[in-house]
Amino acid sequence: MNIPLICNDSALNATAKKLREKWGFVSTHSDDFRLHLLPEYLALEQLDDPKQGLVFVDFVSGATAHRRKFGGGKGQAIAKAVGLKAGVQLNVIDATAGLGRDAFVLASLGCNVTLVERSPVAAALLDDGLQRAYINAEIGEWMKQRMQLRFGAGVEYLKNHQTDVVYLDPMFPHKKKSALVKKEMRVFQGVVGADLDADELLEVALAAAKYRVVVKRPDYAPFLNDKKPSMSIKTKKNRFDVYVNKAIPTDK
C-alpha cells in the first residue's frame, strides 16, 4: 500500500522529503489513507471515515502519560504476565510493536524494550513518537535507555536475537462494530492488516525467549497456534496468555 505523506508547512518540507525517502511514502494523493507531517507530530488519517480523527504516537502526554502515572504500576495485568519482580530488570522484545503503548508501559516499569515493527507506517509513527519522547525533560533520559525501535519482521528478528521475555500482540480481525475496539485500532488495522504469520511467530518467540512469551489476545480469540498457555491473565477486554520456558530468578 503506497501511503502519501502530506506536508503543508514549507518549514517542514525537508523533513517530509527525508521521511518519504526513509519509509517509501509517496507525495501523491490517495482515496484511503494519508499521513500528515504537522509541527506537533506525524499523524495518520483515514479518508473515508473522517470521524475517526488523526492517529499518532504520543508517549509524553494524554492517555499514555495518565496510565504511566496512575495505571497501577507492577500490579497491572501486563506486569504480572511478563513476570516483573522487584530488583529484576528484564529485557523484552515486543515483536509486534504497533503503536507502542504496551511497550511503553513495560519500559515505564523498568524493562528494557526493543520494539520491532514491520509496517513502514507504524514504524514511522513510532519513530516520530520516540524522537519527541527522547527530548522530553521528564521522561527523555530513561526513554532513550529503555525503548529502541527496529524496523523489520518480528519472525526474522527473533530468529537472530535472544531475550528474557518476548511480548506479542498480533493483529487480530476485530469485530468491526464492537464498541470495545478503539478508533485508533480500527484505522491502524486498515493500514497494517492482519498478522498472517502469527502462529509461526509464537514458535519462533518460544525459541528466542529465555524465560517466557506473553501473547495479548482479545477475550474471544483462540490460543495462538492452538497452543495452550502455561496460564492466562484476564482483563475486561483481553487476556494475556503466558508461555513459561523457565522461572525468572529473583537475582537476575
Protein backbone atom coordinates (compact mmCIF):
# COMPACT_ATOMS: atom_id res chain seq x y z
CA MET A 1 0.00 0.00 0.00
CA ASN A 2 1.52 3.32 -1.11
CA ILE A 3 0.69 5.83 1.60
CA PRO A 4 1.04 9.51 0.71
CA LEU A 5 2.74 11.85 3.16
CA ILE A 6 1.27 15.36 3.02
CA CYS A 7 3.11 18.42 4.28
CA ASN A 8 1.55 21.88 4.04
CA ASP A 9 4.19 23.65 6.11
CA SER A 10 7.12 24.82 3.99
CA ALA A 11 9.37 24.83 7.05
CA LEU A 12 8.91 21.04 7.25
CA ASN A 13 9.42 20.24 3.57
CA ALA A 14 12.97 18.97 4.07
CA THR A 15 11.83 16.69 6.90
CA ALA A 16 8.94 15.42 4.77
CA LYS A 17 11.36 14.61 1.94
CA LYS A 18 13.58 12.61 4.31
CA LEU A 19 10.59 10.68 5.68
CA ARG A 20 9.39 9.78 2.17
CA GLU A 21 12.86 8.54 1.27
CA LYS A 22 13.34 6.61 4.51
CA TRP A 23 9.96 4.85 4.65
CA GLY A 24 8.92 4.76 0.99
CA PHE A 25 5.97 7.13 1.29
CA VAL A 26 4.72 8.99 -1.79
CA SER A 27 3.64 12.59 -2.36
CA THR A 28 0.53 11.82 -4.45
CA HIS A 29 -2.98 11.67 -3.03
CA SER A 30 -4.93 8.56 -2.02
CA ASP A 31 -8.58 7.66 -1.51
CA ASP A 32 -7.97 5.57 1.62
CA PHE A 33 -5.24 6.78 3.98
CA ARG A 34 -2.67 9.51 4.20
CA LEU A 35 -0.03 10.74 6.60
CA HIS A 36 0.23 14.36 7.69
CA LEU A 37 3.50 15.89 8.81
CA LEU A 38 2.48 18.61 11.27
CA PRO A 39 4.63 20.81 13.52
CA GLU A 40 3.45 18.77 16.52
CA TYR A 41 3.68 15.21 15.17
CA LEU A 42 3.33 12.78 12.27
CA ALA A 43 -0.28 11.55 12.03
CA LEU A 44 -2.33 9.02 10.06
CA GLU A 45 -5.77 9.84 8.65
CA GLN A 46 -8.43 7.51 7.24
CA LEU A 47 -10.04 9.49 4.44
CA ASP A 48 -13.26 7.51 4.03
CA ASP A 49 -14.09 7.91 7.75
CA PRO A 50 -13.05 11.39 8.89
CA LYS A 51 -14.86 10.96 12.23
CA GLN A 52 -12.01 8.71 13.35
CA GLY A 53 -9.67 11.69 13.58
CA LEU A 54 -5.87 11.61 13.37
CA VAL A 55 -3.85 8.73 14.80
CA PHE A 56 -0.39 9.50 16.17
CA VAL A 57 2.01 8.25 18.83
CA ASP A 58 2.36 10.33 21.98
CA PHE A 59 4.37 8.94 24.90
CA VAL A 60 4.60 12.28 26.69
CA SER A 61 1.01 13.36 27.36
CA GLY A 62 -2.62 12.23 27.14
CA ALA A 63 -3.81 8.72 27.96
CA THR A 64 -0.32 7.23 27.83
CA ALA A 65 1.05 9.62 30.41
CA HIS A 66 -2.01 9.10 32.60
CA ARG A 67 -1.51 5.35 32.56
CA ARG A 68 2.18 5.76 33.41
CA LYS A 69 1.31 7.83 36.46
CA PHE A 70 -1.92 6.18 37.61
CA GLY A 71 -2.13 2.82 35.83
CA GLY A 72 -1.42 0.60 38.81
CA GLY A 73 2.32 0.06 38.47
CA LYS A 74 3.53 -3.52 38.79
CA GLY A 75 0.04 -4.58 39.87
CA GLN A 76 -1.19 -4.30 36.28
CA ALA A 77 -2.09 -7.47 34.42
CA ILE A 78 0.60 -6.90 31.81
CA ALA A 79 3.26 -6.58 34.51
CA LYS A 80 2.14 -9.84 36.12
CA ALA A 81 2.08 -11.55 32.74
CA VAL A 82 5.63 -10.50 31.88
CA GLY A 83 6.78 -11.53 35.36
CA LEU A 84 8.12 -8.27 36.74
CA LYS A 85 9.79 -8.61 40.13
CA ALA A 86 11.32 -6.07 42.46
CA GLY A 87 15.01 -5.62 41.76
CA VAL A 88 14.91 -7.55 38.47
CA GLN A 89 15.30 -5.70 35.16
CA LEU A 90 14.02 -7.69 32.21
CA ASN A 91 14.96 -7.35 28.57
CA VAL A 92 11.83 -7.60 26.42
CA ILE A 93 11.37 -7.83 22.68
CA ASP A 94 7.95 -6.57 21.58
CA ALA A 95 7.88 -8.28 18.19
CA THR A 96 4.58 -6.71 17.05
CA ALA A 97 5.07 -3.20 18.39
CA GLY A 98 2.14 -1.46 16.68
CA LEU A 99 1.58 1.93 18.33
CA GLY A 100 3.92 1.03 21.20
CA ARG A 101 1.56 1.52 24.11
CA ASP A 102 2.16 -1.77 25.89
CA ALA A 103 5.90 -1.45 25.26
CA PHE A 104 5.82 1.96 26.89
CA VAL A 105 4.06 0.58 29.96
CA LEU A 106 6.74 -2.09 30.32
CA ALA A 107 9.53 0.46 29.84
CA SER A 108 7.97 2.79 32.40
CA LEU A 109 8.04 -0.13 34.86
CA GLY A 110 11.75 -0.66 34.31
CA CYS A 111 12.05 -3.09 31.39
CA ASN A 112 14.45 -2.58 28.50
CA VAL A 113 12.18 -2.94 25.47
CA THR A 114 13.13 -3.44 21.84
CA LEU A 115 10.18 -2.58 19.60
CA VAL A 116 10.08 -4.50 16.33
CA GLU A 117 7.62 -3.32 13.67
CA ARG A 118 7.44 -4.29 10.01
CA SER A 119 4.82 -1.83 8.77
CA PRO A 120 6.51 1.32 7.43
CA VAL A 121 3.53 3.41 8.52
CA ALA A 122 3.52 2.05 12.07
CA ALA A 123 7.31 2.26 12.31
CA ALA A 124 7.32 5.88 11.12
CA LEU A 125 4.62 6.85 13.64
CA LEU A 126 6.53 5.04 16.39
CA ASP A 127 9.83 6.65 15.46
CA ASP A 128 8.19 10.07 15.47
CA GLY A 129 6.75 9.47 18.94
CA LEU A 130 10.03 8.12 20.27
CA GLN A 131 12.11 11.02 18.97
CA ARG A 132 9.81 13.50 20.67
CA ALA A 133 9.87 11.48 23.90
CA TYR A 134 13.69 11.28 23.87
CA ILE A 135 13.97 15.06 24.19
CA ASN A 136 11.28 15.42 26.84
CA ALA A 137 12.62 16.76 30.13
CA GLU A 138 10.51 14.43 32.28
CA ILE A 139 10.89 11.04 30.59
CA GLY A 140 13.55 11.52 27.91
CA GLU A 141 16.52 10.14 29.81
CA TRP A 142 15.04 6.76 30.67
CA MET A 143 13.18 6.52 27.36
CA LYS A 144 16.49 6.66 25.47
CA GLN A 145 17.83 3.87 27.66
CA ARG A 146 14.80 1.59 27.69
CA MET A 147 12.95 1.92 24.36
CA GLN A 148 14.57 1.31 20.98
CA LEU A 149 12.90 0.70 17.62
CA ARG A 150 13.93 -1.86 15.00
CA PHE A 151 12.23 -1.86 11.60
CA GLY A 152 11.59 -5.34 10.25
CA ALA A 153 9.55 -8.52 10.57
CA GLY A 154 9.23 -9.93 14.07
CA VAL A 155 9.77 -13.51 12.87
CA GLU A 156 13.09 -12.68 11.25
CA TYR A 157 14.27 -10.53 14.14
CA LEU A 158 13.52 -13.23 16.72
CA LYS A 159 15.39 -15.84 14.69
CA ASN A 160 18.55 -13.80 15.27
CA HIS A 161 18.07 -12.42 18.78
CA GLN A 162 17.67 -13.87 22.27
CA THR A 163 15.97 -12.07 25.14
CA ASP A 164 14.42 -12.63 28.57
CA VAL A 165 10.79 -12.18 27.51
CA VAL A 166 9.05 -11.91 24.14
CA TYR A 167 5.82 -9.94 24.01
CA LEU A 168 3.36 -10.50 21.15
CA ASP A 169 0.17 -8.65 20.30
CA PRO A 170 -0.54 -9.83 16.74
CA MET A 171 -3.23 -8.01 14.83
CA PHE A 172 -6.48 -9.94 15.13
CA PRO A 173 -9.59 -9.38 12.96
CA HIS A 174 -11.60 -7.33 15.45
CA LYS A 175 -15.36 -7.26 15.46
CA LYS A 176 -15.80 -4.09 13.43
CA LYS A 177 -18.98 -2.93 15.14
CA SER A 178 -17.69 -3.60 18.64
CA ALA A 179 -17.59 -0.51 20.84
CA LEU A 180 -14.59 -2.06 22.57
CA VAL A 181 -12.37 -1.55 19.52
CA LYS A 182 -10.81 1.87 19.86
CA LYS A 183 -10.86 4.21 16.90
CA GLU A 184 -7.07 4.17 16.63
CA MET A 185 -7.06 0.41 16.21
CA ARG A 186 -9.77 0.50 13.56
CA VAL A 187 -7.72 2.95 11.50
CA PHE A 188 -4.49 1.16 12.26
CA GLN A 189 -5.82 -2.25 11.27
CA GLY A 190 -6.92 -0.84 7.94
CA VAL A 191 -3.34 0.13 7.11
CA VAL A 192 -1.36 -2.67 8.72
CA GLY A 193 -3.70 -5.62 8.13
CA ALA A 194 -3.70 -8.95 9.95
CA ASP A 195 -0.53 -10.72 11.08
CA LEU A 196 -0.88 -13.81 8.92
CA ASP A 197 2.32 -15.33 10.30
CA ALA A 198 1.20 -15.06 13.94
CA ASP A 199 1.24 -18.82 14.52
CA GLU A 200 4.81 -19.09 13.26
CA LEU A 201 5.70 -16.07 15.35
CA LEU A 202 4.78 -17.89 18.55
CA GLU A 203 7.08 -20.83 17.81
CA VAL A 204 9.99 -18.55 16.96
CA ALA A 205 9.31 -16.49 20.07
CA LEU A 206 9.41 -19.57 22.30
CA ALA A 207 12.86 -20.36 20.94
CA ALA A 208 14.06 -16.78 21.45
CA ALA A 209 12.74 -16.20 24.98
CA LYS A 210 14.85 -17.30 27.94
CA TYR A 211 12.02 -17.13 30.45
CA ARG A 212 8.62 -16.62 28.87
CA VAL A 213 6.47 -15.48 25.96
CA VAL A 214 3.40 -13.32 26.58
CA VAL A 215 0.65 -13.14 23.95
CA LYS A 216 -2.06 -10.50 24.23
CA ARG A 217 -5.37 -11.62 22.73
CA PRO A 218 -8.96 -10.34 22.56
CA ASP A 219 -11.06 -12.29 25.04
CA TYR A 220 -12.92 -14.03 22.20
CA ALA A 221 -9.82 -15.09 20.25
CA PRO A 222 -8.45 -18.65 20.25
CA PHE A 223 -5.00 -19.51 21.55
CA LEU A 224 -2.25 -18.63 19.11
CA ASN A 225 -1.37 -21.69 17.00
CA ASP A 226 -3.93 -23.60 19.14
CA LYS A 227 -1.20 -23.90 21.77
CA LYS A 228 -2.45 -23.91 25.36
CA PRO A 229 -0.50 -21.46 27.54
CA SER A 230 1.01 -22.16 30.95
CA MET A 231 -1.50 -19.67 32.34
CA SER A 232 -3.79 -16.83 31.26
CA ILE A 233 -4.36 -13.50 32.97
CA LYS A 234 -7.70 -11.96 32.02
CA THR A 235 -8.83 -8.33 31.90
CA LYS A 236 -12.20 -6.85 30.92
CA LYS A 237 -11.46 -6.86 27.19
CA ASN A 238 -8.38 -9.00 26.68
CA ARG A 239 -6.28 -11.74 28.16
CA PHE A 240 -2.56 -12.37 28.40
CA ASP A 241 -1.58 -15.93 27.50
CA VAL A 242 1.72 -16.74 29.21
CA TYR A 243 4.04 -19.48 27.96
CA VAL A 244 6.71 -20.20 30.57
CA ASN A 245 10.05 -21.67 29.50
CA LYS A 246 11.59 -21.41 32.96
CA ALA A 247 11.21 -19.38 36.13
CA ILE A 248 12.58 -15.84 36.32
CA PRO A 249 15.19 -15.74 39.11
CA THR A 250 14.87 -13.13 41.82
CA ASP A 251 18.53 -12.12 41.50
CA LYS A 252 18.83 -11.90 37.71
